[in-house]
């Protein structure tokens, strides 16, 4: 992060369907739809103990445009490779973070991609990333897409990211 390492060696940033904070605060109501306080974090940490059900629910939460059955099966298999305790620790580490004070300090070009039907974040919460970073950030909105918009509109997603990375010749 900028506060630990600075931005040297970092030429661009891409954000994908993330709000500046998952947590909801008195002055921030646009956090996660599912993991937004200590109680909801505890619920997800309990849910991952049944990884089979969690894997099925994860895809249902993160996809509005279901992919072919073989892709769904691959996603489930990959999810089942997770160690529940490690996944619970990861959630506990990142969910309560509030990046709103950090984002305005980013000076490199940024691309912010998000779906309008995200099961994880309200679109306004994701757009706040662009607003907080300011002129160095542009949004690309994926109408009808969910949290895994890179699967739902893979060609558009890949084209936008590739074009962004090649812009300006500093790649």
N, C-alpha and C. Protein backbone atom coordinates (compact mmCIF):
# COMPACT_ATOMS: atom_id res chain seq x y z
N UNK A 1 0.83 -1.19 0.00
CA UNK A 1 0.00 0.00 0.00
C UNK A 1 0.87 1.25 0.00
N UNK A 2 0.28 2.35 -0.40
CA UNK A 2 0.99 3.63 -0.47
C UNK A 2 1.58 4.00 0.89
N UNK A 3 0.85 3.74 1.95
CA UNK A 3 1.33 4.16 3.26
C UNK A 3 2.56 3.38 3.71
N UNK A 4 2.76 2.17 3.19
CA UNK A 4 3.94 1.38 3.56
C UNK A 4 5.06 1.48 2.54
N UNK A 5 4.69 1.45 1.26
CA UNK A 5 5.70 1.28 0.22
C UNK A 5 5.79 2.42 -0.79
N UNK A 6 4.87 3.35 -0.78
CA UNK A 6 4.87 4.40 -1.78
C UNK A 6 4.34 3.87 -3.10
N UNK A 7 4.47 4.69 -4.15
CA UNK A 7 3.95 4.30 -5.45
C UNK A 7 5.05 4.04 -6.48
N UNK A 8 6.30 4.09 -6.03
CA UNK A 8 7.39 3.81 -6.95
C UNK A 8 7.24 2.37 -7.45
N UNK A 9 7.46 2.18 -8.74
CA UNK A 9 7.34 0.85 -9.33
C UNK A 9 5.90 0.48 -9.67
N UNK A 10 4.97 1.33 -9.33
CA UNK A 10 3.57 1.10 -9.64
C UNK A 10 3.18 2.11 -10.70
N UNK A 11 2.82 1.63 -11.89
CA UNK A 11 2.51 2.59 -12.95
C UNK A 11 1.01 2.76 -13.18
N UNK A 12 0.21 1.79 -12.79
CA UNK A 12 -1.23 1.87 -12.99
C UNK A 12 -1.92 0.96 -11.98
N UNK A 13 -3.21 1.22 -11.75
CA UNK A 13 -4.03 0.38 -10.87
C UNK A 13 -5.33 0.05 -11.56
N UNK A 14 -5.80 -1.17 -11.35
CA UNK A 14 -7.11 -1.59 -11.83
C UNK A 14 -7.90 -2.08 -10.63
N UNK A 15 -9.10 -1.52 -10.47
CA UNK A 15 -10.01 -1.93 -9.40
C UNK A 15 -11.18 -2.68 -10.04
N UNK A 16 -11.58 -3.79 -9.44
CA UNK A 16 -12.67 -4.59 -9.99
C UNK A 16 -13.74 -4.81 -8.92
N UNK A 17 -14.87 -4.15 -9.11
CA UNK A 17 -16.06 -4.29 -8.27
C UNK A 17 -15.72 -4.28 -6.78
N UNK A 18 -15.14 -3.18 -6.35
CA UNK A 18 -14.79 -2.99 -4.94
C UNK A 18 -15.21 -1.60 -4.49
N UNK A 19 -15.74 -1.54 -3.30
CA UNK A 19 -16.01 -0.25 -2.67
C UNK A 19 -14.80 0.13 -1.82
N UNK A 20 -14.65 1.38 -1.44
CA UNK A 20 -13.52 1.79 -0.60
C UNK A 20 -13.50 1.11 0.76
N UNK A 21 -14.65 0.66 1.20
CA UNK A 21 -14.73 -0.11 2.45
C UNK A 21 -15.90 -1.07 2.37
N UNK A 22 -15.67 -2.29 2.81
CA UNK A 22 -16.78 -3.23 2.93
C UNK A 22 -17.64 -2.88 4.13
N UNK A 23 -16.97 -2.41 5.18
CA UNK A 23 -17.65 -2.08 6.43
C UNK A 23 -18.57 -0.90 6.23
N UNK A 24 -19.64 -0.85 6.99
CA UNK A 24 -20.52 0.32 7.02
C UNK A 24 -20.18 1.12 8.27
N UNK A 25 -20.09 2.42 8.10
CA UNK A 25 -19.79 3.34 9.19
C UNK A 25 -20.87 4.39 9.27
N UNK A 26 -20.82 5.20 10.30
CA UNK A 26 -21.79 6.28 10.44
C UNK A 26 -21.81 7.18 9.20
N UNK A 27 -20.62 7.42 8.62
CA UNK A 27 -20.53 8.29 7.44
C UNK A 27 -20.35 7.50 6.13
N UNK A 28 -20.55 6.20 6.16
CA UNK A 28 -20.37 5.36 4.96
C UNK A 28 -21.38 4.23 4.99
N UNK A 29 -22.36 4.32 4.12
CA UNK A 29 -23.43 3.32 4.06
C UNK A 29 -23.38 2.49 2.78
N UNK A 30 -22.34 2.66 1.97
CA UNK A 30 -22.25 1.99 0.68
C UNK A 30 -21.29 0.81 0.68
N UNK A 31 -21.11 0.20 1.83
CA UNK A 31 -20.22 -0.95 1.94
C UNK A 31 -20.84 -2.21 1.37
N UNK A 32 -20.25 -3.32 1.71
CA UNK A 32 -20.67 -4.62 1.21
C UNK A 32 -22.13 -4.91 1.53
N UNK A 33 -22.75 -5.66 0.66
CA UNK A 33 -24.12 -6.11 0.88
C UNK A 33 -24.15 -7.32 1.81
N UNK A 34 -23.00 -7.96 2.03
CA UNK A 34 -23.00 -9.19 2.81
C UNK A 34 -22.06 -9.24 3.99
N UNK A 35 -20.93 -8.54 3.93
CA UNK A 35 -19.94 -8.56 5.02
C UNK A 35 -19.65 -7.11 5.36
N UNK A 36 -20.39 -6.55 6.31
CA UNK A 36 -20.32 -5.11 6.57
C UNK A 36 -20.18 -4.73 8.03
N UNK A 37 -20.12 -5.73 8.93
CA UNK A 37 -19.92 -5.45 10.36
C UNK A 37 -19.47 -6.75 11.03
N UNK A 38 -19.24 -6.70 12.32
CA UNK A 38 -18.71 -7.86 13.03
C UNK A 38 -19.65 -9.05 12.98
N UNK A 39 -20.94 -8.81 13.06
CA UNK A 39 -21.91 -9.91 13.03
C UNK A 39 -21.92 -10.59 11.66
N UNK A 40 -21.96 -9.80 10.59
CA UNK A 40 -21.97 -10.39 9.25
C UNK A 40 -20.64 -11.08 8.93
N UNK A 41 -19.54 -10.56 9.45
CA UNK A 41 -18.25 -11.24 9.29
C UNK A 41 -18.28 -12.58 10.00
N UNK A 42 -18.80 -12.61 11.21
CA UNK A 42 -18.92 -13.88 11.94
C UNK A 42 -19.78 -14.88 11.17
N UNK A 43 -20.85 -14.40 10.56
CA UNK A 43 -21.72 -15.28 9.77
C UNK A 43 -20.98 -15.90 8.60
N UNK A 44 -20.19 -15.11 7.87
CA UNK A 44 -19.46 -15.66 6.72
C UNK A 44 -18.36 -16.60 7.18
N UNK A 45 -17.74 -16.30 8.31
CA UNK A 45 -16.71 -17.19 8.83
C UNK A 45 -17.31 -18.54 9.24
N UNK A 46 -18.54 -18.55 9.71
CA UNK A 46 -19.23 -19.81 10.01
C UNK A 46 -19.65 -20.50 8.72
N UNK A 47 -20.08 -19.73 7.74
CA UNK A 47 -20.54 -20.31 6.47
C UNK A 47 -19.44 -21.07 5.74
N UNK A 48 -18.20 -20.58 5.83
CA UNK A 48 -17.12 -21.27 5.11
C UNK A 48 -16.76 -22.61 5.73
N UNK A 49 -17.28 -22.90 6.90
CA UNK A 49 -17.04 -24.22 7.51
C UNK A 49 -17.72 -25.32 6.70
N UNK A 50 -18.76 -24.98 5.97
CA UNK A 50 -19.41 -25.90 5.02
C UNK A 50 -19.03 -25.42 3.62
N UNK A 51 -17.83 -25.79 3.20
CA UNK A 51 -17.30 -25.27 1.94
C UNK A 51 -18.13 -25.69 0.74
N UNK A 52 -18.76 -26.84 0.78
CA UNK A 52 -19.59 -27.29 -0.33
C UNK A 52 -20.74 -26.30 -0.57
N UNK A 53 -21.46 -25.97 0.48
CA UNK A 53 -22.55 -25.00 0.36
C UNK A 53 -22.03 -23.61 0.06
N UNK A 54 -20.91 -23.24 0.69
CA UNK A 54 -20.33 -21.93 0.45
C UNK A 54 -19.95 -21.76 -1.02
N UNK A 55 -19.35 -22.80 -1.60
CA UNK A 55 -18.93 -22.73 -3.01
C UNK A 55 -20.13 -22.51 -3.93
N UNK A 56 -21.24 -23.20 -3.65
CA UNK A 56 -22.44 -23.01 -4.46
C UNK A 56 -23.01 -21.60 -4.26
N UNK A 57 -23.08 -21.15 -3.02
CA UNK A 57 -23.62 -19.83 -2.72
C UNK A 57 -22.76 -18.71 -3.25
N UNK A 58 -21.45 -18.93 -3.28
CA UNK A 58 -20.51 -17.92 -3.76
C UNK A 58 -20.81 -17.58 -5.22
N UNK A 59 -20.97 -18.61 -6.04
CA UNK A 59 -21.29 -18.39 -7.46
C UNK A 59 -22.65 -17.72 -7.61
N UNK A 60 -23.63 -18.13 -6.83
CA UNK A 60 -24.96 -17.53 -6.90
C UNK A 60 -24.91 -16.04 -6.54
N UNK A 61 -24.09 -15.70 -5.56
CA UNK A 61 -23.97 -14.31 -5.12
C UNK A 61 -23.21 -13.45 -6.13
N UNK A 62 -22.24 -14.03 -6.81
CA UNK A 62 -21.29 -13.24 -7.61
C UNK A 62 -21.55 -13.25 -9.11
N UNK A 63 -22.56 -13.98 -9.56
CA UNK A 63 -22.86 -14.07 -10.99
C UNK A 63 -24.32 -13.73 -11.25
N UNK A 64 -24.57 -12.82 -12.19
CA UNK A 64 -25.92 -12.54 -12.66
C UNK A 64 -26.19 -13.23 -13.98
N UNK A 65 -25.12 -13.46 -14.73
CA UNK A 65 -25.20 -14.12 -16.03
C UNK A 65 -24.45 -15.44 -15.91
N UNK A 66 -25.16 -16.51 -15.54
CA UNK A 66 -24.48 -17.79 -15.29
C UNK A 66 -23.67 -18.27 -16.49
N UNK A 67 -22.44 -18.69 -16.23
CA UNK A 67 -21.60 -19.23 -17.30
C UNK A 67 -21.99 -20.68 -17.60
N UNK A 68 -21.39 -21.28 -18.61
CA UNK A 68 -21.66 -22.68 -18.91
C UNK A 68 -21.37 -23.58 -17.69
N UNK A 69 -22.01 -24.74 -17.67
CA UNK A 69 -21.91 -25.67 -16.53
C UNK A 69 -20.46 -26.05 -16.23
N UNK A 70 -19.62 -26.20 -17.25
CA UNK A 70 -18.23 -26.60 -17.00
C UNK A 70 -17.46 -25.49 -16.27
N UNK A 71 -17.78 -24.26 -16.55
CA UNK A 71 -17.13 -23.15 -15.85
C UNK A 71 -17.61 -23.10 -14.40
N UNK A 72 -18.91 -23.29 -14.18
CA UNK A 72 -19.43 -23.33 -12.81
C UNK A 72 -18.77 -24.45 -12.01
N UNK A 73 -18.58 -25.59 -12.64
CA UNK A 73 -17.94 -26.71 -11.95
C UNK A 73 -16.48 -26.38 -11.61
N UNK A 74 -15.77 -25.73 -12.54
CA UNK A 74 -14.39 -25.33 -12.29
C UNK A 74 -14.32 -24.33 -11.15
N UNK A 75 -15.25 -23.37 -11.12
CA UNK A 75 -15.28 -22.39 -10.03
C UNK A 75 -15.50 -23.08 -8.69
N UNK A 76 -16.40 -24.03 -8.66
CA UNK A 76 -16.67 -24.75 -7.42
C UNK A 76 -15.44 -25.54 -6.98
N UNK A 77 -14.81 -26.23 -7.92
CA UNK A 77 -13.60 -27.00 -7.59
C UNK A 77 -12.51 -26.10 -7.03
N UNK A 78 -12.32 -24.94 -7.64
CA UNK A 78 -11.31 -24.00 -7.17
C UNK A 78 -11.65 -23.47 -5.77
N UNK A 79 -12.91 -23.15 -5.55
CA UNK A 79 -13.34 -22.68 -4.24
C UNK A 79 -13.10 -23.74 -3.17
N UNK A 80 -13.37 -24.99 -3.53
CA UNK A 80 -13.20 -26.09 -2.57
C UNK A 80 -11.73 -26.34 -2.22
N UNK A 81 -10.81 -25.78 -2.98
CA UNK A 81 -9.39 -25.89 -2.64
C UNK A 81 -9.00 -25.00 -1.46
N UNK A 82 -9.85 -24.03 -1.14
CA UNK A 82 -9.57 -23.10 -0.05
C UNK A 82 -9.64 -23.82 1.30
N UNK A 83 -8.76 -23.42 2.19
CA UNK A 83 -8.82 -23.89 3.57
C UNK A 83 -9.76 -22.95 4.32
N UNK A 84 -10.84 -23.48 4.90
CA UNK A 84 -11.83 -22.61 5.54
C UNK A 84 -11.23 -21.62 6.55
N UNK A 85 -10.31 -22.07 7.37
CA UNK A 85 -9.71 -21.18 8.37
C UNK A 85 -8.94 -20.04 7.71
N UNK A 86 -8.26 -20.34 6.61
CA UNK A 86 -7.51 -19.29 5.91
C UNK A 86 -8.45 -18.30 5.23
N UNK A 87 -9.53 -18.82 4.65
CA UNK A 87 -10.51 -17.94 4.02
C UNK A 87 -11.16 -17.04 5.07
N UNK A 88 -11.48 -17.60 6.22
CA UNK A 88 -12.07 -16.81 7.31
C UNK A 88 -11.10 -15.73 7.78
N UNK A 89 -9.82 -16.06 7.87
CA UNK A 89 -8.80 -15.07 8.27
C UNK A 89 -8.65 -13.98 7.23
N UNK A 90 -8.69 -14.35 5.97
CA UNK A 90 -8.60 -13.36 4.89
C UNK A 90 -9.77 -12.37 4.98
N UNK A 91 -10.96 -12.90 5.18
CA UNK A 91 -12.13 -12.04 5.31
C UNK A 91 -11.98 -11.10 6.52
N UNK A 92 -11.52 -11.63 7.63
CA UNK A 92 -11.37 -10.82 8.85
C UNK A 92 -10.31 -9.74 8.66
N UNK A 93 -9.31 -10.02 7.83
CA UNK A 93 -8.24 -9.05 7.60
C UNK A 93 -8.70 -7.89 6.71
N UNK A 94 -9.35 -8.21 5.60
CA UNK A 94 -9.63 -7.13 4.64
C UNK A 94 -11.00 -6.48 4.79
N UNK A 95 -11.99 -7.19 5.29
CA UNK A 95 -13.35 -6.64 5.33
C UNK A 95 -13.47 -5.33 6.12
N UNK A 96 -12.84 -5.21 7.30
CA UNK A 96 -13.04 -3.98 8.08
C UNK A 96 -12.19 -2.77 7.63
N UNK A 97 -11.33 -2.95 6.66
CA UNK A 97 -10.45 -1.85 6.23
C UNK A 97 -11.25 -0.74 5.56
N UNK A 98 -10.84 0.47 5.81
CA UNK A 98 -11.45 1.65 5.21
C UNK A 98 -10.38 2.37 4.41
N UNK A 99 -10.47 2.28 3.08
CA UNK A 99 -9.46 2.84 2.19
C UNK A 99 -9.81 4.26 1.74
N UNK A 100 -10.90 4.82 2.24
CA UNK A 100 -11.29 6.17 1.80
C UNK A 100 -10.20 7.21 2.02
N UNK A 101 -9.47 7.20 3.13
CA UNK A 101 -8.42 8.22 3.29
C UNK A 101 -7.19 7.97 2.40
N UNK A 102 -7.00 6.74 1.94
CA UNK A 102 -5.83 6.39 1.14
C UNK A 102 -6.04 6.67 -0.34
N UNK A 103 -7.24 6.39 -0.85
CA UNK A 103 -7.49 6.50 -2.29
C UNK A 103 -7.15 7.88 -2.87
N UNK A 104 -7.44 9.00 -2.23
CA UNK A 104 -7.09 10.30 -2.82
C UNK A 104 -5.58 10.52 -2.99
N UNK A 105 -4.78 9.71 -2.34
CA UNK A 105 -3.32 9.85 -2.45
C UNK A 105 -2.74 9.12 -3.65
N UNK A 106 -3.56 8.35 -4.34
CA UNK A 106 -3.08 7.62 -5.52
C UNK A 106 -2.89 8.61 -6.67
N UNK A 107 -1.72 8.58 -7.27
CA UNK A 107 -1.40 9.52 -8.35
C UNK A 107 -1.21 8.84 -9.70
N UNK A 108 -1.19 7.53 -9.74
CA UNK A 108 -1.02 6.82 -11.01
C UNK A 108 -2.39 6.66 -11.67
N UNK A 109 -2.41 6.48 -12.99
CA UNK A 109 -3.68 6.26 -13.68
C UNK A 109 -4.39 5.00 -13.15
N UNK A 110 -5.70 5.09 -13.01
CA UNK A 110 -6.49 3.98 -12.48
C UNK A 110 -7.70 3.72 -13.36
N UNK A 111 -8.06 2.47 -13.44
CA UNK A 111 -9.26 2.02 -14.13
C UNK A 111 -10.14 1.31 -13.11
N UNK A 112 -11.37 1.73 -13.00
CA UNK A 112 -12.32 1.19 -12.04
C UNK A 112 -13.46 0.51 -12.79
N UNK A 113 -13.53 -0.82 -12.68
CA UNK A 113 -14.54 -1.60 -13.39
C UNK A 113 -15.53 -2.17 -12.38
N UNK A 114 -16.82 -2.01 -12.65
CA UNK A 114 -17.80 -2.58 -11.72
C UNK A 114 -19.12 -2.87 -12.43
N UNK A 115 -19.86 -3.81 -11.84
CA UNK A 115 -21.15 -4.21 -12.38
C UNK A 115 -22.29 -3.49 -11.70
N UNK A 116 -23.38 -3.31 -12.44
CA UNK A 116 -24.56 -2.66 -11.88
C UNK A 116 -25.42 -3.61 -11.06
N UNK A 117 -25.16 -4.91 -11.16
CA UNK A 117 -25.96 -5.90 -10.45
C UNK A 117 -25.11 -6.70 -9.46
N UNK A 118 -24.09 -6.10 -8.92
CA UNK A 118 -23.21 -6.81 -8.00
C UNK A 118 -23.96 -7.30 -6.77
N UNK A 119 -23.74 -8.55 -6.45
CA UNK A 119 -24.30 -9.10 -5.22
C UNK A 119 -23.47 -8.73 -4.01
N UNK A 120 -22.32 -8.11 -4.25
CA UNK A 120 -21.38 -7.79 -3.17
C UNK A 120 -21.38 -6.31 -2.79
N UNK A 121 -21.46 -5.42 -3.77
CA UNK A 121 -21.35 -4.00 -3.50
C UNK A 121 -22.39 -3.21 -4.29
N UNK A 122 -22.94 -2.15 -3.71
CA UNK A 122 -23.79 -1.26 -4.51
C UNK A 122 -22.92 -0.51 -5.53
N UNK A 123 -23.49 -0.27 -6.69
CA UNK A 123 -22.73 0.43 -7.74
C UNK A 123 -22.21 1.78 -7.25
N UNK A 124 -23.00 2.48 -6.43
CA UNK A 124 -22.57 3.78 -5.92
C UNK A 124 -21.32 3.64 -5.03
N UNK A 125 -21.23 2.54 -4.32
CA UNK A 125 -20.04 2.29 -3.50
C UNK A 125 -18.81 2.09 -4.36
N UNK A 126 -18.97 1.35 -5.45
CA UNK A 126 -17.84 1.14 -6.37
C UNK A 126 -17.45 2.44 -7.07
N UNK A 127 -18.43 3.23 -7.46
CA UNK A 127 -18.15 4.51 -8.11
C UNK A 127 -17.40 5.45 -7.18
N UNK A 128 -17.57 5.28 -5.88
CA UNK A 128 -16.86 6.12 -4.91
C UNK A 128 -15.35 5.98 -5.04
N UNK A 129 -14.87 4.84 -5.51
CA UNK A 129 -13.43 4.67 -5.75
C UNK A 129 -12.96 5.71 -6.75
N UNK A 130 -13.68 5.85 -7.86
CA UNK A 130 -13.32 6.84 -8.88
C UNK A 130 -13.41 8.25 -8.33
N UNK A 131 -14.47 8.54 -7.60
CA UNK A 131 -14.65 9.88 -7.05
C UNK A 131 -13.53 10.24 -6.07
N UNK A 132 -13.13 9.29 -5.25
CA UNK A 132 -12.08 9.56 -4.25
C UNK A 132 -10.69 9.71 -4.88
N UNK A 133 -10.41 8.94 -5.91
CA UNK A 133 -9.11 9.06 -6.58
C UNK A 133 -9.08 10.33 -7.42
N UNK A 134 -10.18 10.64 -8.06
CA UNK A 134 -10.28 11.88 -8.83
C UNK A 134 -9.89 11.72 -10.28
N UNK A 135 -9.26 12.76 -10.83
CA UNK A 135 -8.98 12.85 -12.26
C UNK A 135 -8.11 11.71 -12.80
N UNK A 136 -7.35 11.05 -11.95
CA UNK A 136 -6.49 9.95 -12.40
C UNK A 136 -7.24 8.64 -12.59
N UNK A 137 -8.54 8.63 -12.30
CA UNK A 137 -9.30 7.38 -12.36
C UNK A 137 -10.51 7.53 -13.26
N UNK A 138 -10.74 6.50 -14.05
CA UNK A 138 -11.97 6.47 -14.86
C UNK A 138 -12.71 5.17 -14.61
N UNK A 139 -14.02 5.25 -14.68
CA UNK A 139 -14.88 4.10 -14.45
C UNK A 139 -15.35 3.51 -15.77
N UNK A 140 -15.51 2.20 -15.78
CA UNK A 140 -16.18 1.49 -16.86
C UNK A 140 -17.24 0.64 -16.18
N UNK A 141 -18.48 0.91 -16.52
CA UNK A 141 -19.61 0.26 -15.87
C UNK A 141 -20.09 -0.90 -16.74
N UNK A 142 -20.29 -2.04 -16.11
CA UNK A 142 -20.76 -3.24 -16.78
C UNK A 142 -22.24 -3.43 -16.43
N UNK A 143 -23.11 -2.96 -17.33
CA UNK A 143 -24.55 -3.04 -17.11
C UNK A 143 -24.99 -4.50 -16.99
N UNK A 144 -25.75 -4.78 -15.95
CA UNK A 144 -26.30 -6.12 -15.76
C UNK A 144 -25.32 -7.15 -15.23
N UNK A 145 -24.09 -6.73 -14.95
CA UNK A 145 -23.08 -7.68 -14.47
C UNK A 145 -22.96 -7.63 -12.95
N UNK A 146 -22.41 -8.68 -12.42
CA UNK A 146 -22.27 -8.89 -11.00
C UNK A 146 -20.80 -8.71 -10.60
N UNK A 147 -20.44 -9.24 -9.45
CA UNK A 147 -19.10 -9.11 -8.87
C UNK A 147 -18.03 -9.75 -9.76
N UNK A 148 -18.37 -10.85 -10.40
CA UNK A 148 -17.42 -11.54 -11.28
C UNK A 148 -17.65 -11.11 -12.73
N UNK A 149 -17.68 -9.82 -12.96
CA UNK A 149 -17.94 -9.27 -14.29
C UNK A 149 -16.91 -9.72 -15.31
N UNK A 150 -15.72 -10.07 -14.86
CA UNK A 150 -14.66 -10.54 -15.76
C UNK A 150 -15.01 -11.90 -16.36
N UNK A 151 -15.91 -12.64 -15.74
CA UNK A 151 -16.41 -13.89 -16.33
C UNK A 151 -17.65 -13.63 -17.18
N UNK A 152 -18.48 -12.70 -16.73
CA UNK A 152 -19.74 -12.45 -17.42
C UNK A 152 -19.55 -11.72 -18.74
N UNK A 153 -18.58 -10.84 -18.81
CA UNK A 153 -18.25 -10.15 -20.06
C UNK A 153 -16.74 -10.17 -20.24
N UNK A 154 -16.21 -11.37 -20.38
CA UNK A 154 -14.76 -11.57 -20.41
C UNK A 154 -14.07 -10.81 -21.54
N UNK A 155 -14.65 -10.83 -22.73
CA UNK A 155 -14.00 -10.15 -23.86
C UNK A 155 -13.92 -8.64 -23.62
N UNK A 156 -15.01 -8.04 -23.19
CA UNK A 156 -15.00 -6.60 -22.92
C UNK A 156 -14.03 -6.28 -21.79
N UNK A 157 -14.09 -7.06 -20.72
CA UNK A 157 -13.21 -6.85 -19.58
C UNK A 157 -11.74 -6.90 -20.02
N UNK A 158 -11.37 -7.97 -20.71
CA UNK A 158 -9.98 -8.14 -21.14
C UNK A 158 -9.53 -7.04 -22.09
N UNK A 159 -10.41 -6.64 -23.00
CA UNK A 159 -10.08 -5.56 -23.94
C UNK A 159 -9.85 -4.24 -23.22
N UNK A 160 -10.72 -3.92 -22.26
CA UNK A 160 -10.56 -2.67 -21.51
C UNK A 160 -9.27 -2.65 -20.69
N UNK A 161 -8.99 -3.75 -20.01
CA UNK A 161 -7.78 -3.80 -19.19
C UNK A 161 -6.54 -3.74 -20.07
N UNK A 162 -6.53 -4.51 -21.15
CA UNK A 162 -5.36 -4.50 -22.05
C UNK A 162 -5.13 -3.11 -22.63
N UNK A 163 -6.18 -2.47 -23.11
CA UNK A 163 -6.05 -1.11 -23.68
C UNK A 163 -5.54 -0.13 -22.62
N UNK A 164 -6.08 -0.22 -21.43
CA UNK A 164 -5.65 0.68 -20.35
C UNK A 164 -4.16 0.47 -20.04
N UNK A 165 -3.75 -0.77 -19.96
CA UNK A 165 -2.34 -1.04 -19.63
C UNK A 165 -1.39 -0.56 -20.71
N UNK A 166 -1.85 -0.54 -21.94
CA UNK A 166 -1.00 -0.11 -23.05
C UNK A 166 -1.04 1.41 -23.28
N UNK A 167 -2.00 2.11 -22.69
CA UNK A 167 -2.10 3.57 -22.86
C UNK A 167 -0.85 4.26 -22.35
N UNK A 168 -0.44 5.27 -23.06
CA UNK A 168 0.65 6.12 -22.59
C UNK A 168 2.03 5.55 -22.78
N UNK A 169 2.14 4.35 -23.25
CA UNK A 169 3.44 3.76 -23.54
C UNK A 169 4.30 3.45 -22.33
N UNK A 170 3.79 3.58 -21.12
CA UNK A 170 4.60 3.30 -19.94
C UNK A 170 4.25 1.93 -19.36
N UNK A 171 4.35 0.90 -20.20
CA UNK A 171 4.01 -0.45 -19.77
C UNK A 171 5.21 -1.33 -19.64
